[in-house]
């Protein structure tokens, strides 16, 4: 099953994100093909990150929560909030 995770950064956390990014990218690499798609949300300037979106394959919502709890961004306290919901692929490039 696929899940959509929307993680919104705390205001003013741009430097925290930048400082934590290498560890976050290493975590993504370790996650293997569990993370199907992901990337940052951007501010209106189309450059400044302000959150993250991930599509995660897992058996359950609890499994996704456990996976995301290991993200260095989460450990660093980057996110103001995180929303996770089941998601169904319907259209577009197949994942």
N, C-alpha and C. Protein backbone atom coordinates (compact mmCIF):
# COMPACT_ATOMS: atom_id res chain seq x y z
N UNK A 1 0.85 -1.17 0.00
CA UNK A 1 0.00 0.00 0.00
C UNK A 1 0.90 1.23 0.00
N UNK A 2 0.43 2.28 -0.67
CA UNK A 2 1.17 3.53 -0.71
C UNK A 2 0.56 4.54 0.27
N UNK A 3 1.44 5.38 0.82
CA UNK A 3 1.03 6.43 1.74
C UNK A 3 1.70 7.73 1.32
N UNK A 4 0.98 8.82 1.47
CA UNK A 4 1.51 10.15 1.21
C UNK A 4 1.83 10.80 2.55
N UNK A 5 3.05 11.28 2.67
CA UNK A 5 3.46 12.00 3.88
C UNK A 5 3.75 13.45 3.50
N UNK A 6 3.09 14.38 4.17
CA UNK A 6 3.31 15.80 3.98
C UNK A 6 3.88 16.33 5.28
N UNK A 7 5.11 16.82 5.20
CA UNK A 7 5.83 17.30 6.39
C UNK A 7 6.12 18.78 6.20
N UNK A 8 5.57 19.61 7.06
CA UNK A 8 5.76 21.06 6.94
C UNK A 8 6.82 21.52 7.93
N UNK A 9 7.79 22.28 7.41
CA UNK A 9 8.87 22.79 8.25
C UNK A 9 8.37 23.84 9.23
N UNK A 10 9.03 23.93 10.37
CA UNK A 10 8.78 25.02 11.30
C UNK A 10 9.25 26.32 10.65
N UNK A 11 8.58 27.43 10.93
CA UNK A 11 9.04 28.71 10.39
C UNK A 11 10.48 28.99 10.81
N UNK A 12 11.26 29.53 9.90
CA UNK A 12 12.63 29.91 10.21
C UNK A 12 13.60 28.74 10.34
N UNK A 13 13.24 27.58 9.82
CA UNK A 13 14.08 26.39 10.00
C UNK A 13 14.94 26.07 8.79
N UNK A 14 15.15 27.04 7.91
CA UNK A 14 15.91 26.79 6.69
C UNK A 14 17.32 26.30 6.98
N UNK A 15 17.99 26.91 7.95
CA UNK A 15 19.36 26.50 8.28
C UNK A 15 19.39 25.12 8.92
N UNK A 16 18.41 24.83 9.78
CA UNK A 16 18.33 23.50 10.38
C UNK A 16 18.17 22.43 9.29
N UNK A 17 17.34 22.71 8.30
CA UNK A 17 17.16 21.79 7.18
C UNK A 17 18.48 21.59 6.45
N UNK A 18 19.16 22.67 6.14
CA UNK A 18 20.43 22.58 5.41
C UNK A 18 21.46 21.80 6.20
N UNK A 19 21.54 22.04 7.50
CA UNK A 19 22.52 21.36 8.35
C UNK A 19 22.24 19.87 8.45
N UNK A 20 20.98 19.49 8.40
CA UNK A 20 20.57 18.10 8.59
C UNK A 20 20.46 17.33 7.27
N UNK A 21 20.49 18.03 6.16
CA UNK A 21 20.25 17.41 4.85
C UNK A 21 21.17 16.23 4.54
N UNK A 22 22.48 16.29 4.79
CA UNK A 22 23.31 15.12 4.48
C UNK A 22 22.85 13.85 5.21
N UNK A 23 22.49 13.97 6.47
CA UNK A 23 22.00 12.81 7.23
C UNK A 23 20.65 12.34 6.69
N UNK A 24 19.81 13.29 6.29
CA UNK A 24 18.50 12.95 5.72
C UNK A 24 18.68 12.17 4.41
N UNK A 25 19.59 12.63 3.55
CA UNK A 25 19.83 11.94 2.28
C UNK A 25 20.39 10.54 2.51
N UNK A 26 21.24 10.37 3.51
CA UNK A 26 21.76 9.04 3.86
C UNK A 26 20.62 8.14 4.35
N UNK A 27 19.71 8.69 5.13
CA UNK A 27 18.54 7.94 5.59
C UNK A 27 17.69 7.48 4.41
N UNK A 28 17.47 8.38 3.45
CA UNK A 28 16.70 8.01 2.26
C UNK A 28 17.37 6.87 1.51
N UNK A 29 18.69 6.91 1.41
CA UNK A 29 19.43 5.84 0.74
C UNK A 29 19.23 4.51 1.47
N UNK A 30 19.29 4.54 2.79
CA UNK A 30 19.10 3.31 3.58
C UNK A 30 17.67 2.78 3.48
N UNK A 31 16.71 3.67 3.23
CA UNK A 31 15.31 3.25 3.13
C UNK A 31 15.05 2.42 1.88
N UNK A 32 15.97 2.45 0.94
CA UNK A 32 15.84 1.65 -0.27
C UNK A 32 14.62 2.02 -1.08
N UNK A 33 13.95 1.01 -1.62
CA UNK A 33 12.82 1.31 -2.49
C UNK A 33 11.51 1.48 -1.73
N UNK A 34 11.57 1.56 -0.42
CA UNK A 34 10.39 1.85 0.40
C UNK A 34 9.87 3.27 0.10
N UNK A 35 10.81 4.20 -0.13
CA UNK A 35 10.44 5.57 -0.49
C UNK A 35 10.33 5.61 -2.01
N UNK A 36 9.13 5.77 -2.51
CA UNK A 36 8.88 5.71 -3.95
C UNK A 36 9.14 7.04 -4.65
N UNK A 37 8.90 8.12 -3.94
CA UNK A 37 9.02 9.46 -4.53
C UNK A 37 9.11 10.45 -3.39
N UNK A 38 9.86 11.50 -3.58
CA UNK A 38 9.93 12.50 -2.53
C UNK A 38 10.66 13.74 -2.98
N UNK A 39 10.52 14.78 -2.20
CA UNK A 39 11.21 16.03 -2.46
C UNK A 39 10.64 17.14 -1.61
N UNK A 40 11.30 18.30 -1.64
CA UNK A 40 10.86 19.41 -0.80
C UNK A 40 9.75 20.24 -1.44
N UNK A 41 8.90 20.78 -0.59
CA UNK A 41 8.00 21.86 -1.00
C UNK A 41 8.86 23.13 -1.02
N UNK A 42 8.54 24.05 -1.90
CA UNK A 42 9.32 25.27 -2.02
C UNK A 42 8.46 26.49 -1.74
N UNK A 43 9.10 27.53 -1.22
CA UNK A 43 8.44 28.81 -1.01
C UNK A 43 8.17 29.46 -2.36
N UNK A 44 7.50 30.59 -2.34
CA UNK A 44 7.13 31.29 -3.57
C UNK A 44 8.33 31.67 -4.42
N UNK A 45 9.52 31.77 -3.81
CA UNK A 45 10.71 32.10 -4.60
C UNK A 45 11.21 30.90 -5.41
N UNK A 46 10.56 29.75 -5.26
CA UNK A 46 10.88 28.49 -5.96
C UNK A 46 12.29 27.98 -5.65
N UNK A 47 12.84 28.42 -4.52
CA UNK A 47 14.17 27.98 -4.11
C UNK A 47 14.24 27.55 -2.65
N UNK A 48 13.56 28.27 -1.78
CA UNK A 48 13.65 28.02 -0.35
C UNK A 48 12.75 26.86 0.06
N UNK A 49 13.35 25.75 0.58
CA UNK A 49 12.52 24.63 1.03
C UNK A 49 11.67 25.03 2.23
N UNK A 50 10.45 24.49 2.26
CA UNK A 50 9.57 24.78 3.40
C UNK A 50 8.82 23.56 3.88
N UNK A 51 9.21 22.39 3.39
CA UNK A 51 8.57 21.15 3.81
C UNK A 51 9.01 20.02 2.90
N UNK A 52 8.45 18.85 3.15
CA UNK A 52 8.79 17.66 2.37
C UNK A 52 7.54 16.88 2.04
N UNK A 53 7.59 16.16 0.91
CA UNK A 53 6.54 15.25 0.51
C UNK A 53 7.22 13.93 0.18
N UNK A 54 6.67 12.85 0.71
CA UNK A 54 7.18 11.51 0.42
C UNK A 54 6.02 10.59 0.10
N UNK A 55 6.22 9.71 -0.86
CA UNK A 55 5.30 8.61 -1.08
C UNK A 55 6.04 7.36 -0.60
N UNK A 56 5.45 6.69 0.39
CA UNK A 56 6.09 5.58 1.08
C UNK A 56 5.26 4.32 0.85
N UNK A 57 5.94 3.23 0.53
CA UNK A 57 5.25 1.95 0.42
C UNK A 57 5.43 1.20 1.73
N UNK A 58 4.31 0.75 2.30
CA UNK A 58 4.35 0.05 3.58
C UNK A 58 3.08 -0.77 3.73
N UNK A 59 3.10 -1.66 4.71
CA UNK A 59 1.94 -2.51 4.99
C UNK A 59 0.87 -1.79 5.80
N UNK A 60 1.29 -0.77 6.58
CA UNK A 60 0.34 -0.12 7.47
C UNK A 60 0.78 1.31 7.77
N UNK A 61 -0.17 2.08 8.28
CA UNK A 61 0.11 3.43 8.72
C UNK A 61 1.14 3.44 9.83
N UNK A 62 1.06 2.49 10.75
CA UNK A 62 2.03 2.41 11.84
C UNK A 62 3.44 2.18 11.32
N UNK A 63 3.57 1.37 10.26
CA UNK A 63 4.88 1.13 9.66
C UNK A 63 5.45 2.42 9.06
N UNK A 64 4.61 3.21 8.43
CA UNK A 64 5.05 4.50 7.87
C UNK A 64 5.47 5.44 9.00
N UNK A 65 4.68 5.50 10.04
CA UNK A 65 5.02 6.36 11.18
C UNK A 65 6.39 5.97 11.76
N UNK A 66 6.63 4.68 11.90
CA UNK A 66 7.91 4.21 12.44
C UNK A 66 9.05 4.57 11.49
N UNK A 67 8.82 4.41 10.21
CA UNK A 67 9.84 4.75 9.22
C UNK A 67 10.19 6.24 9.30
N UNK A 68 9.18 7.09 9.30
CA UNK A 68 9.41 8.54 9.31
C UNK A 68 9.99 9.02 10.63
N UNK A 69 9.73 8.31 11.70
CA UNK A 69 10.29 8.69 13.00
C UNK A 69 11.81 8.57 13.00
N UNK A 70 12.36 7.74 12.10
CA UNK A 70 13.81 7.58 12.01
C UNK A 70 14.48 8.63 11.13
N UNK A 71 13.70 9.44 10.43
CA UNK A 71 14.25 10.47 9.56
C UNK A 71 15.03 11.49 10.40
N UNK A 72 16.28 11.78 10.04
CA UNK A 72 17.04 12.79 10.77
C UNK A 72 16.35 14.15 10.83
N UNK A 73 15.56 14.49 9.82
CA UNK A 73 14.80 15.74 9.90
C UNK A 73 13.84 15.70 11.09
N UNK A 74 13.19 14.57 11.31
CA UNK A 74 12.28 14.43 12.45
C UNK A 74 13.06 14.50 13.76
N UNK A 75 14.20 13.81 13.83
CA UNK A 75 15.03 13.84 15.04
C UNK A 75 15.50 15.25 15.37
N UNK A 76 15.77 16.05 14.34
CA UNK A 76 16.27 17.42 14.53
C UNK A 76 15.16 18.39 14.91
N UNK A 77 13.90 17.95 14.83
CA UNK A 77 12.79 18.84 15.16
C UNK A 77 12.45 19.81 14.04
N UNK A 78 12.76 19.45 12.80
CA UNK A 78 12.52 20.34 11.66
C UNK A 78 11.04 20.57 11.40
N UNK A 79 10.22 19.56 11.58
CA UNK A 79 8.85 19.64 11.13
C UNK A 79 7.91 20.24 12.16
N UNK A 80 7.09 21.17 11.69
CA UNK A 80 6.03 21.73 12.52
C UNK A 80 4.90 20.72 12.66
N UNK A 81 4.61 20.01 11.57
CA UNK A 81 3.60 18.95 11.61
C UNK A 81 3.83 18.01 10.44
N UNK A 82 3.30 16.82 10.59
CA UNK A 82 3.39 15.78 9.56
C UNK A 82 2.03 15.14 9.42
N UNK A 83 1.58 15.03 8.19
CA UNK A 83 0.30 14.37 7.89
C UNK A 83 0.60 13.16 7.01
N UNK A 84 0.07 12.02 7.38
CA UNK A 84 0.26 10.79 6.62
C UNK A 84 -1.11 10.23 6.29
N UNK A 85 -1.30 9.86 5.02
CA UNK A 85 -2.59 9.29 4.62
C UNK A 85 -2.39 8.25 3.54
N UNK A 86 -3.26 7.24 3.49
CA UNK A 86 -3.19 6.28 2.39
C UNK A 86 -3.38 7.02 1.07
N UNK A 87 -2.69 6.51 0.04
CA UNK A 87 -2.73 7.16 -1.28
C UNK A 87 -2.80 6.08 -2.34
N UNK A 88 -3.55 6.35 -3.40
CA UNK A 88 -3.70 5.40 -4.48
C UNK A 88 -3.21 6.03 -5.78
N UNK A 89 -2.31 5.32 -6.45
CA UNK A 89 -1.83 5.74 -7.76
C UNK A 89 -2.97 5.55 -8.77
N UNK A 90 -3.23 6.58 -9.59
CA UNK A 90 -4.27 6.49 -10.61
C UNK A 90 -3.74 6.91 -11.98
N UNK A 91 -2.99 8.00 -12.03
CA UNK A 91 -2.60 8.56 -13.33
C UNK A 91 -1.19 9.12 -13.24
N UNK A 92 -0.50 9.12 -14.36
CA UNK A 92 0.84 9.67 -14.44
C UNK A 92 1.86 8.57 -14.67
N UNK A 93 3.11 8.94 -14.61
CA UNK A 93 4.18 7.98 -14.79
C UNK A 93 4.11 6.94 -13.68
N UNK A 94 4.12 5.70 -14.04
CA UNK A 94 4.00 4.64 -13.05
C UNK A 94 5.22 4.64 -12.13
N UNK A 95 4.98 4.47 -10.85
CA UNK A 95 6.06 4.49 -9.87
C UNK A 95 6.72 3.14 -9.82
